[in-house]
N, C-alpha and C. Protein backbone atom coordinates (compact mmCIF):
# COMPACT_ATOMS: atom_id res chain seq x y z
N MET A 1 81.09 -19.91 -32.83
CA MET A 1 79.99 -19.16 -32.29
C MET A 1 78.97 -18.92 -33.39
N ARG A 2 77.70 -19.19 -33.13
CA ARG A 2 76.69 -18.98 -34.16
C ARG A 2 75.92 -17.72 -33.81
N SER A 3 75.54 -16.97 -34.81
CA SER A 3 74.78 -15.76 -34.56
C SER A 3 73.33 -15.98 -34.93
N SER A 4 72.47 -15.25 -34.27
CA SER A 4 71.06 -15.28 -34.60
C SER A 4 70.89 -14.66 -35.97
N PRO A 5 69.94 -15.13 -36.77
CA PRO A 5 69.79 -14.56 -38.09
C PRO A 5 69.44 -13.08 -38.06
N SER A 6 68.87 -12.60 -36.98
CA SER A 6 68.45 -11.21 -36.93
C SER A 6 69.44 -10.28 -36.26
N ILE A 7 70.52 -10.82 -35.68
CA ILE A 7 71.46 -9.98 -34.95
C ILE A 7 72.88 -10.29 -35.39
N PRO A 8 73.56 -9.29 -35.94
CA PRO A 8 74.97 -9.53 -36.24
C PRO A 8 75.71 -9.82 -34.95
N ILE A 9 76.75 -10.61 -35.03
CA ILE A 9 77.44 -11.08 -33.85
C ILE A 9 78.06 -9.96 -33.02
N LEU A 10 78.39 -8.83 -33.63
CA LEU A 10 79.05 -7.75 -32.89
C LEU A 10 78.08 -6.77 -32.25
N SER A 11 76.78 -6.85 -32.55
CA SER A 11 75.84 -5.90 -31.97
C SER A 11 75.48 -6.31 -30.55
N LYS A 12 75.00 -5.34 -29.80
CA LYS A 12 74.54 -5.64 -28.44
C LYS A 12 73.23 -6.40 -28.53
N PRO A 13 73.07 -7.46 -27.74
CA PRO A 13 71.82 -8.21 -27.77
C PRO A 13 70.64 -7.31 -27.41
N LEU A 14 69.54 -7.51 -28.10
CA LEU A 14 68.32 -6.77 -27.85
C LEU A 14 67.36 -7.66 -27.09
N LEU A 15 66.86 -7.16 -25.98
CA LEU A 15 65.94 -7.91 -25.13
C LEU A 15 64.55 -7.29 -25.13
N VAL A 16 63.56 -8.12 -24.90
CA VAL A 16 62.20 -7.71 -24.57
C VAL A 16 61.94 -8.30 -23.20
N LEU A 17 61.46 -7.47 -22.28
CA LEU A 17 61.19 -7.92 -20.92
C LEU A 17 59.69 -7.92 -20.67
N ASP A 18 59.19 -9.06 -20.24
CA ASP A 18 57.79 -9.16 -19.84
C ASP A 18 57.60 -8.32 -18.57
N THR A 19 56.39 -7.89 -18.33
CA THR A 19 56.10 -7.00 -17.19
C THR A 19 56.55 -7.61 -15.86
N ASN A 20 56.36 -8.90 -15.67
CA ASN A 20 56.76 -9.51 -14.39
C ASN A 20 58.27 -9.41 -14.19
N VAL A 21 59.03 -9.44 -15.26
CA VAL A 21 60.49 -9.31 -15.15
C VAL A 21 60.86 -7.86 -14.82
N VAL A 22 60.18 -6.91 -15.41
CA VAL A 22 60.43 -5.50 -15.09
C VAL A 22 60.18 -5.27 -13.60
N LEU A 23 59.11 -5.84 -13.08
CA LEU A 23 58.82 -5.71 -11.65
C LEU A 23 59.93 -6.33 -10.81
N ASP A 24 60.41 -7.49 -11.22
CA ASP A 24 61.51 -8.13 -10.50
C ASP A 24 62.75 -7.25 -10.50
N LEU A 25 63.04 -6.62 -11.63
CA LEU A 25 64.23 -5.77 -11.74
C LEU A 25 64.13 -4.52 -10.86
N LEU A 26 63.01 -3.83 -10.97
CA LEU A 26 62.93 -2.49 -10.40
C LEU A 26 62.17 -2.39 -9.08
N HIS A 27 61.14 -3.18 -8.90
CA HIS A 27 60.36 -3.07 -7.67
C HIS A 27 60.84 -4.07 -6.61
N PHE A 28 60.94 -5.33 -7.00
CA PHE A 28 61.31 -6.36 -6.04
C PHE A 28 62.81 -6.51 -5.86
N GLU A 29 63.58 -5.93 -6.79
CA GLU A 29 65.05 -6.01 -6.76
C GLU A 29 65.49 -7.46 -6.56
N ASP A 30 64.93 -8.34 -7.35
CA ASP A 30 65.19 -9.78 -7.29
C ASP A 30 66.62 -10.07 -7.70
N ALA A 31 67.34 -10.78 -6.86
CA ALA A 31 68.75 -11.11 -7.12
C ALA A 31 68.91 -11.94 -8.39
N ILE A 32 67.94 -12.78 -8.70
CA ILE A 32 68.03 -13.60 -9.91
C ILE A 32 68.00 -12.72 -11.16
N ALA A 33 67.25 -11.63 -11.10
CA ALA A 33 67.13 -10.74 -12.25
C ALA A 33 68.24 -9.68 -12.29
N TYR A 34 69.03 -9.58 -11.24
CA TYR A 34 70.05 -8.52 -11.18
C TYR A 34 71.01 -8.52 -12.36
N PRO A 35 71.48 -9.67 -12.87
CA PRO A 35 72.39 -9.61 -14.02
C PRO A 35 71.79 -8.91 -15.24
N ILE A 36 70.48 -9.02 -15.41
CA ILE A 36 69.82 -8.33 -16.52
C ILE A 36 69.86 -6.83 -16.29
N LEU A 37 69.53 -6.41 -15.08
CA LEU A 37 69.56 -4.99 -14.74
C LEU A 37 70.98 -4.43 -14.90
N ALA A 38 71.96 -5.14 -14.40
CA ALA A 38 73.35 -4.69 -14.51
C ALA A 38 73.77 -4.56 -15.97
N ALA A 39 73.40 -5.53 -16.79
CA ALA A 39 73.74 -5.47 -18.21
C ALA A 39 73.08 -4.28 -18.90
N LEU A 40 71.85 -3.98 -18.52
CA LEU A 40 71.16 -2.81 -19.08
C LEU A 40 71.84 -1.52 -18.62
N GLN A 41 72.13 -1.43 -17.34
CA GLN A 41 72.75 -0.22 -16.80
C GLN A 41 74.15 0.03 -17.37
N HIS A 42 74.86 -1.05 -17.69
CA HIS A 42 76.22 -0.92 -18.25
C HIS A 42 76.21 -0.94 -19.77
N GLU A 43 75.00 -0.85 -20.34
CA GLU A 43 74.81 -0.79 -21.79
C GLU A 43 75.45 -1.96 -22.52
N GLN A 44 75.42 -3.13 -21.88
CA GLN A 44 75.92 -4.35 -22.52
C GLN A 44 74.83 -5.01 -23.37
N VAL A 45 73.59 -4.64 -23.09
CA VAL A 45 72.44 -5.09 -23.87
C VAL A 45 71.51 -3.89 -24.05
N LYS A 46 70.59 -4.03 -24.99
CA LYS A 46 69.55 -3.03 -25.20
C LYS A 46 68.22 -3.68 -24.88
N CYS A 47 67.25 -2.86 -24.58
CA CYS A 47 65.91 -3.34 -24.29
C CYS A 47 64.92 -2.46 -25.05
N VAL A 48 63.88 -3.07 -25.56
CA VAL A 48 62.89 -2.34 -26.34
C VAL A 48 61.51 -2.53 -25.72
N ALA A 49 60.70 -1.49 -25.84
CA ALA A 49 59.33 -1.52 -25.33
C ALA A 49 58.44 -0.76 -26.30
N THR A 50 57.15 -0.98 -26.17
CA THR A 50 56.17 -0.25 -26.96
C THR A 50 55.20 0.45 -26.02
N GLU A 51 54.36 1.26 -26.58
CA GLU A 51 53.34 1.91 -25.76
C GLU A 51 52.43 0.86 -25.12
N ALA A 52 52.15 -0.21 -25.82
CA ALA A 52 51.28 -1.27 -25.26
C ALA A 52 51.95 -1.98 -24.09
N THR A 53 53.25 -2.27 -24.19
CA THR A 53 53.92 -2.94 -23.07
C THR A 53 54.08 -1.98 -21.90
N LEU A 54 54.32 -0.72 -22.21
CA LEU A 54 54.43 0.29 -21.15
C LEU A 54 53.09 0.49 -20.45
N GLU A 55 52.01 0.48 -21.22
CA GLU A 55 50.68 0.63 -20.64
C GLU A 55 50.37 -0.53 -19.69
N GLU A 56 50.79 -1.73 -20.05
CA GLU A 56 50.58 -2.87 -19.13
C GLU A 56 51.33 -2.65 -17.83
N LEU A 57 52.57 -2.16 -17.92
CA LEU A 57 53.33 -1.89 -16.69
C LEU A 57 52.63 -0.82 -15.85
N ARG A 58 52.17 0.24 -16.50
CA ARG A 58 51.43 1.29 -15.76
C ARG A 58 50.24 0.69 -15.01
N ARG A 59 49.49 -0.14 -15.71
CA ARG A 59 48.29 -0.76 -15.13
C ARG A 59 48.66 -1.66 -13.95
N VAL A 60 49.66 -2.49 -14.12
CA VAL A 60 50.06 -3.44 -13.07
C VAL A 60 50.57 -2.70 -11.84
N LEU A 61 51.28 -1.61 -12.04
CA LEU A 61 51.80 -0.85 -10.90
C LEU A 61 50.68 -0.29 -10.01
N THR A 62 49.47 -0.18 -10.55
CA THR A 62 48.35 0.33 -9.75
C THR A 62 47.62 -0.77 -8.98
N TYR A 63 48.01 -2.03 -9.17
CA TYR A 63 47.33 -3.12 -8.48
C TYR A 63 47.42 -2.92 -6.96
N PRO A 64 46.31 -3.08 -6.26
CA PRO A 64 46.30 -2.85 -4.82
C PRO A 64 47.30 -3.69 -4.04
N GLU A 65 47.57 -4.92 -4.50
CA GLU A 65 48.48 -5.79 -3.75
C GLU A 65 49.90 -5.24 -3.68
N PHE A 66 50.27 -4.35 -4.60
CA PHE A 66 51.61 -3.76 -4.55
C PHE A 66 51.69 -2.57 -3.59
N LYS A 67 50.56 -1.98 -3.28
CA LYS A 67 50.50 -0.85 -2.34
C LYS A 67 51.52 0.24 -2.68
N LEU A 68 51.58 0.60 -3.97
CA LEU A 68 52.53 1.61 -4.42
C LEU A 68 51.86 2.97 -4.52
N ALA A 69 52.43 3.92 -3.82
CA ALA A 69 51.95 5.30 -3.94
C ALA A 69 52.20 5.79 -5.36
N SER A 70 51.44 6.77 -5.79
CA SER A 70 51.59 7.27 -7.16
C SER A 70 53.00 7.79 -7.43
N VAL A 71 53.66 8.34 -6.43
CA VAL A 71 55.04 8.82 -6.60
C VAL A 71 55.97 7.65 -6.88
N ARG A 72 55.79 6.54 -6.16
CA ARG A 72 56.62 5.36 -6.38
C ARG A 72 56.35 4.75 -7.76
N GLN A 73 55.09 4.73 -8.16
CA GLN A 73 54.74 4.24 -9.50
C GLN A 73 55.45 5.06 -10.57
N ALA A 74 55.41 6.38 -10.42
CA ALA A 74 56.06 7.27 -11.39
C ALA A 74 57.58 7.05 -11.41
N THR A 75 58.16 6.84 -10.23
CA THR A 75 59.60 6.59 -10.14
C THR A 75 59.97 5.30 -10.87
N LEU A 76 59.20 4.24 -10.66
CA LEU A 76 59.48 2.96 -11.32
C LEU A 76 59.33 3.09 -12.84
N LEU A 77 58.30 3.80 -13.28
CA LEU A 77 58.13 4.02 -14.72
C LEU A 77 59.30 4.81 -15.30
N ASP A 78 59.73 5.83 -14.58
CA ASP A 78 60.86 6.63 -15.04
C ASP A 78 62.14 5.78 -15.11
N GLN A 79 62.37 4.96 -14.11
CA GLN A 79 63.54 4.07 -14.12
C GLN A 79 63.50 3.16 -15.34
N TYR A 80 62.34 2.60 -15.61
CA TYR A 80 62.19 1.71 -16.75
C TYR A 80 62.44 2.45 -18.06
N LEU A 81 61.85 3.63 -18.19
CA LEU A 81 62.01 4.38 -19.43
C LEU A 81 63.46 4.78 -19.70
N ARG A 82 64.25 4.91 -18.66
CA ARG A 82 65.68 5.21 -18.85
C ARG A 82 66.46 3.98 -19.34
N LEU A 83 65.88 2.80 -19.17
CA LEU A 83 66.56 1.57 -19.57
C LEU A 83 66.16 1.06 -20.95
N VAL A 84 65.05 1.56 -21.49
CA VAL A 84 64.50 1.00 -22.72
C VAL A 84 64.50 2.01 -23.86
N ARG A 85 64.39 1.45 -25.05
CA ARG A 85 64.18 2.25 -26.25
C ARG A 85 62.73 2.00 -26.65
N MET A 86 61.96 3.06 -26.80
CA MET A 86 60.57 2.93 -27.21
C MET A 86 60.50 2.80 -28.72
N GLN A 87 59.57 1.97 -29.19
CA GLN A 87 59.36 1.84 -30.63
C GLN A 87 57.92 1.47 -30.90
N ASP A 88 57.52 1.73 -32.13
CA ASP A 88 56.22 1.24 -32.58
C ASP A 88 56.36 -0.24 -32.86
N THR A 89 55.26 -0.94 -32.83
CA THR A 89 55.30 -2.36 -33.19
C THR A 89 54.74 -2.50 -34.59
N PRO A 90 55.62 -2.52 -35.57
CA PRO A 90 55.11 -2.71 -36.93
C PRO A 90 54.61 -4.14 -37.09
N PRO A 91 53.69 -4.34 -38.00
CA PRO A 91 53.24 -5.72 -38.22
C PRO A 91 54.43 -6.59 -38.61
N THR A 92 54.44 -7.78 -38.13
CA THR A 92 55.52 -8.70 -38.46
C THR A 92 55.04 -9.71 -39.49
N SER A 93 55.93 -10.03 -40.39
CA SER A 93 55.59 -11.03 -41.39
C SER A 93 55.85 -12.44 -40.87
N VAL A 94 56.40 -12.51 -39.67
CA VAL A 94 56.71 -13.79 -39.04
C VAL A 94 55.43 -14.40 -38.49
N GLU A 95 55.24 -15.67 -38.76
CA GLU A 95 54.09 -16.36 -38.19
C GLU A 95 54.44 -16.80 -36.78
N LEU A 96 53.75 -16.22 -35.82
CA LEU A 96 54.01 -16.50 -34.41
C LEU A 96 52.93 -17.40 -33.83
N PRO A 97 53.31 -18.17 -32.82
CA PRO A 97 52.28 -18.94 -32.12
C PRO A 97 51.36 -17.98 -31.35
N ILE A 98 50.17 -18.42 -31.08
CA ILE A 98 49.23 -17.62 -30.28
C ILE A 98 49.39 -18.03 -28.83
N CYS A 99 49.65 -17.04 -27.99
CA CYS A 99 49.83 -17.29 -26.56
C CYS A 99 48.47 -17.53 -25.91
N SER A 100 48.42 -18.47 -24.99
CA SER A 100 47.16 -18.76 -24.29
C SER A 100 46.72 -17.60 -23.41
N ASP A 101 47.65 -16.72 -23.05
CA ASP A 101 47.32 -15.50 -22.30
C ASP A 101 47.37 -14.34 -23.29
N PRO A 102 46.22 -13.83 -23.72
CA PRO A 102 46.21 -12.76 -24.72
C PRO A 102 47.02 -11.52 -24.32
N ASP A 103 47.15 -11.27 -23.02
CA ASP A 103 47.95 -10.12 -22.56
C ASP A 103 49.42 -10.27 -22.88
N ASP A 104 49.89 -11.48 -23.12
CA ASP A 104 51.31 -11.71 -23.41
C ASP A 104 51.64 -11.72 -24.89
N GLN A 105 50.63 -11.74 -25.75
CA GLN A 105 50.89 -11.79 -27.18
C GLN A 105 51.70 -10.58 -27.65
N LYS A 106 51.47 -9.43 -27.04
CA LYS A 106 52.19 -8.21 -27.44
C LYS A 106 53.70 -8.34 -27.23
N PHE A 107 54.13 -9.14 -26.26
CA PHE A 107 55.56 -9.33 -26.03
C PHE A 107 56.17 -10.21 -27.12
N LEU A 108 55.44 -11.23 -27.53
CA LEU A 108 55.90 -12.07 -28.65
C LEU A 108 56.01 -11.23 -29.92
N GLU A 109 54.98 -10.43 -30.17
CA GLU A 109 54.98 -9.59 -31.38
C GLU A 109 56.11 -8.57 -31.35
N LEU A 110 56.36 -7.99 -30.19
CA LEU A 110 57.46 -7.03 -30.07
C LEU A 110 58.80 -7.72 -30.30
N ALA A 111 59.00 -8.88 -29.72
CA ALA A 111 60.26 -9.60 -29.91
C ALA A 111 60.49 -9.90 -31.39
N ALA A 112 59.44 -10.33 -32.08
CA ALA A 112 59.58 -10.65 -33.50
C ALA A 112 59.80 -9.40 -34.35
N SER A 113 58.99 -8.36 -34.12
CA SER A 113 59.08 -7.17 -34.98
C SER A 113 60.35 -6.37 -34.75
N SER A 114 60.91 -6.44 -33.55
CA SER A 114 62.14 -5.69 -33.24
C SER A 114 63.40 -6.51 -33.54
N HIS A 115 63.21 -7.77 -33.93
CA HIS A 115 64.33 -8.69 -34.16
C HIS A 115 65.15 -8.87 -32.89
N ALA A 116 64.44 -8.94 -31.76
CA ALA A 116 65.11 -9.14 -30.47
C ALA A 116 65.79 -10.50 -30.45
N HIS A 117 66.85 -10.56 -29.70
CA HIS A 117 67.52 -11.85 -29.49
C HIS A 117 66.73 -12.68 -28.49
N THR A 118 66.21 -12.02 -27.44
CA THR A 118 65.61 -12.76 -26.34
C THR A 118 64.39 -12.04 -25.76
N LEU A 119 63.36 -12.80 -25.49
CA LEU A 119 62.21 -12.37 -24.70
C LEU A 119 62.39 -13.01 -23.34
N VAL A 120 62.46 -12.19 -22.30
CA VAL A 120 62.67 -12.70 -20.93
C VAL A 120 61.33 -12.65 -20.20
N SER A 121 60.93 -13.80 -19.67
CA SER A 121 59.63 -13.90 -19.02
C SER A 121 59.65 -15.00 -17.96
N LYS A 122 58.76 -14.88 -17.00
CA LYS A 122 58.52 -15.94 -16.02
C LYS A 122 57.14 -16.55 -16.24
N ASP A 123 56.42 -16.01 -17.18
CA ASP A 123 55.05 -16.43 -17.44
C ASP A 123 55.02 -17.81 -18.11
N ARG A 124 54.32 -18.74 -17.49
CA ARG A 124 54.26 -20.11 -18.03
C ARG A 124 53.73 -20.15 -19.46
N ALA A 125 52.72 -19.31 -19.73
CA ALA A 125 52.13 -19.32 -21.07
C ALA A 125 53.16 -18.92 -22.13
N VAL A 126 54.05 -18.00 -21.78
CA VAL A 126 55.11 -17.57 -22.70
C VAL A 126 56.19 -18.64 -22.77
N LEU A 127 56.62 -19.14 -21.63
CA LEU A 127 57.70 -20.13 -21.59
C LEU A 127 57.33 -21.41 -22.35
N LYS A 128 56.05 -21.76 -22.36
CA LYS A 128 55.62 -22.94 -23.10
C LYS A 128 55.84 -22.79 -24.61
N LEU A 129 55.99 -21.56 -25.07
CA LEU A 129 56.15 -21.31 -26.51
C LEU A 129 57.61 -21.19 -26.95
N ARG A 130 58.54 -21.41 -26.03
CA ARG A 130 59.96 -21.16 -26.36
C ARG A 130 60.41 -21.91 -27.59
N TRP A 131 60.03 -23.15 -27.76
CA TRP A 131 60.50 -23.92 -28.92
C TRP A 131 59.83 -23.46 -30.20
N ARG A 132 58.59 -23.01 -30.08
CA ARG A 132 57.86 -22.56 -31.28
C ARG A 132 58.34 -21.18 -31.72
N CYS A 133 59.01 -20.46 -30.87
CA CYS A 133 59.54 -19.12 -31.20
C CYS A 133 61.03 -19.16 -31.55
N ALA A 134 61.68 -20.27 -31.32
CA ALA A 134 63.14 -20.37 -31.38
C ALA A 134 63.74 -19.98 -32.73
N ALA A 135 63.01 -20.12 -33.80
CA ALA A 135 63.54 -19.73 -35.11
C ALA A 135 63.65 -18.21 -35.24
N HIS A 136 62.94 -17.49 -34.37
CA HIS A 136 62.88 -16.03 -34.47
C HIS A 136 63.58 -15.31 -33.32
N PHE A 137 63.44 -15.84 -32.13
CA PHE A 137 64.05 -15.27 -30.94
C PHE A 137 64.03 -16.32 -29.84
N GLN A 138 64.90 -16.11 -28.85
CA GLN A 138 64.94 -17.01 -27.70
C GLN A 138 63.92 -16.55 -26.67
N VAL A 139 63.38 -17.48 -25.92
CA VAL A 139 62.53 -17.18 -24.76
C VAL A 139 63.26 -17.77 -23.56
N MET A 140 63.57 -16.92 -22.59
CA MET A 140 64.33 -17.35 -21.42
C MET A 140 63.69 -16.86 -20.14
N THR A 141 63.92 -17.60 -19.07
CA THR A 141 63.57 -17.12 -17.74
C THR A 141 64.63 -16.09 -17.33
N PRO A 142 64.38 -15.30 -16.29
CA PRO A 142 65.41 -14.38 -15.82
C PRO A 142 66.71 -15.09 -15.42
N ALA A 143 66.61 -16.27 -14.80
CA ALA A 143 67.82 -17.00 -14.40
C ALA A 143 68.61 -17.44 -15.63
N GLU A 144 67.91 -17.96 -16.64
CA GLU A 144 68.59 -18.37 -17.88
C GLU A 144 69.23 -17.17 -18.57
N ALA A 145 68.50 -16.07 -18.62
CA ALA A 145 69.04 -14.86 -19.26
C ALA A 145 70.26 -14.35 -18.51
N GLY A 146 70.22 -14.41 -17.19
CA GLY A 146 71.37 -13.97 -16.39
C GLY A 146 72.60 -14.80 -16.67
N ARG A 147 72.43 -16.12 -16.75
CA ARG A 147 73.57 -17.00 -17.07
C ARG A 147 74.08 -16.74 -18.49
N TRP A 148 73.16 -16.58 -19.42
CA TRP A 148 73.53 -16.31 -20.81
C TRP A 148 74.30 -14.99 -20.91
N LEU A 149 73.81 -13.96 -20.23
CA LEU A 149 74.49 -12.66 -20.26
C LEU A 149 75.88 -12.75 -19.64
N ALA A 150 76.02 -13.51 -18.58
CA ALA A 150 77.34 -13.67 -17.96
C ALA A 150 78.30 -14.33 -18.95
N ASP A 151 77.81 -15.33 -19.67
CA ASP A 151 78.65 -15.99 -20.67
C ASP A 151 78.98 -15.06 -21.83
N VAL A 152 78.00 -14.33 -22.31
CA VAL A 152 78.22 -13.40 -23.44
C VAL A 152 79.22 -12.33 -23.02
N ASN A 153 79.05 -11.79 -21.83
CA ASN A 153 79.93 -10.71 -21.38
C ASN A 153 81.34 -11.19 -21.07
N SER A 154 81.49 -12.48 -20.80
CA SER A 154 82.83 -13.01 -20.58
C SER A 154 83.47 -13.41 -21.91
N GLY A 155 82.65 -13.40 -22.98
CA GLY A 155 83.16 -13.74 -24.29
C GLY A 155 83.31 -15.21 -24.52
N SER A 156 82.76 -16.04 -23.62
CA SER A 156 83.01 -17.47 -23.75
C SER A 156 81.82 -18.26 -24.28
N ALA A 157 80.69 -17.62 -24.47
CA ALA A 157 79.49 -18.39 -24.85
C ALA A 157 79.23 -18.32 -26.34
N ALA A 158 78.76 -19.40 -26.83
CA ALA A 158 78.19 -19.40 -28.17
C ALA A 158 76.77 -18.89 -28.01
N GLU A 159 76.31 -18.08 -28.95
CA GLU A 159 74.94 -17.59 -28.86
C GLU A 159 73.99 -18.76 -29.01
N THR A 160 72.91 -18.70 -28.23
CA THR A 160 71.93 -19.79 -28.29
C THR A 160 70.78 -19.41 -29.15
């Protein structure tokens, strides 16, 4: 089993979740994302967020297409805050690729500065960078992360 340079093998994996994944977990209750939610709820993994990533979630929750009352928005934010550890995003000395979607750069920076094992996203602009980020952290879709977590929790997977 190989360990990521930033995570000792015995520590709980640290995740960064893109806003669309947070919505899948908490608002849409997407079955594909459920293994991530279960792992967070059972404290098998940790998740980190910053004020900037939280602000994006706040903003997205107000989008008219979601038709979320302010009470529901507050409930979703509260659910998320119970699952994550908030931190500042210190500057990273790691040279990161520039995401074609400037709104997603903060997730790359958070993954690098927090020494996260995995950034989970469905965003094409982020997923296109997976190989360029691989020396620092993994970039996975929710389905890939769910399979990886199942393997890690069963003790049978080598870390990727």
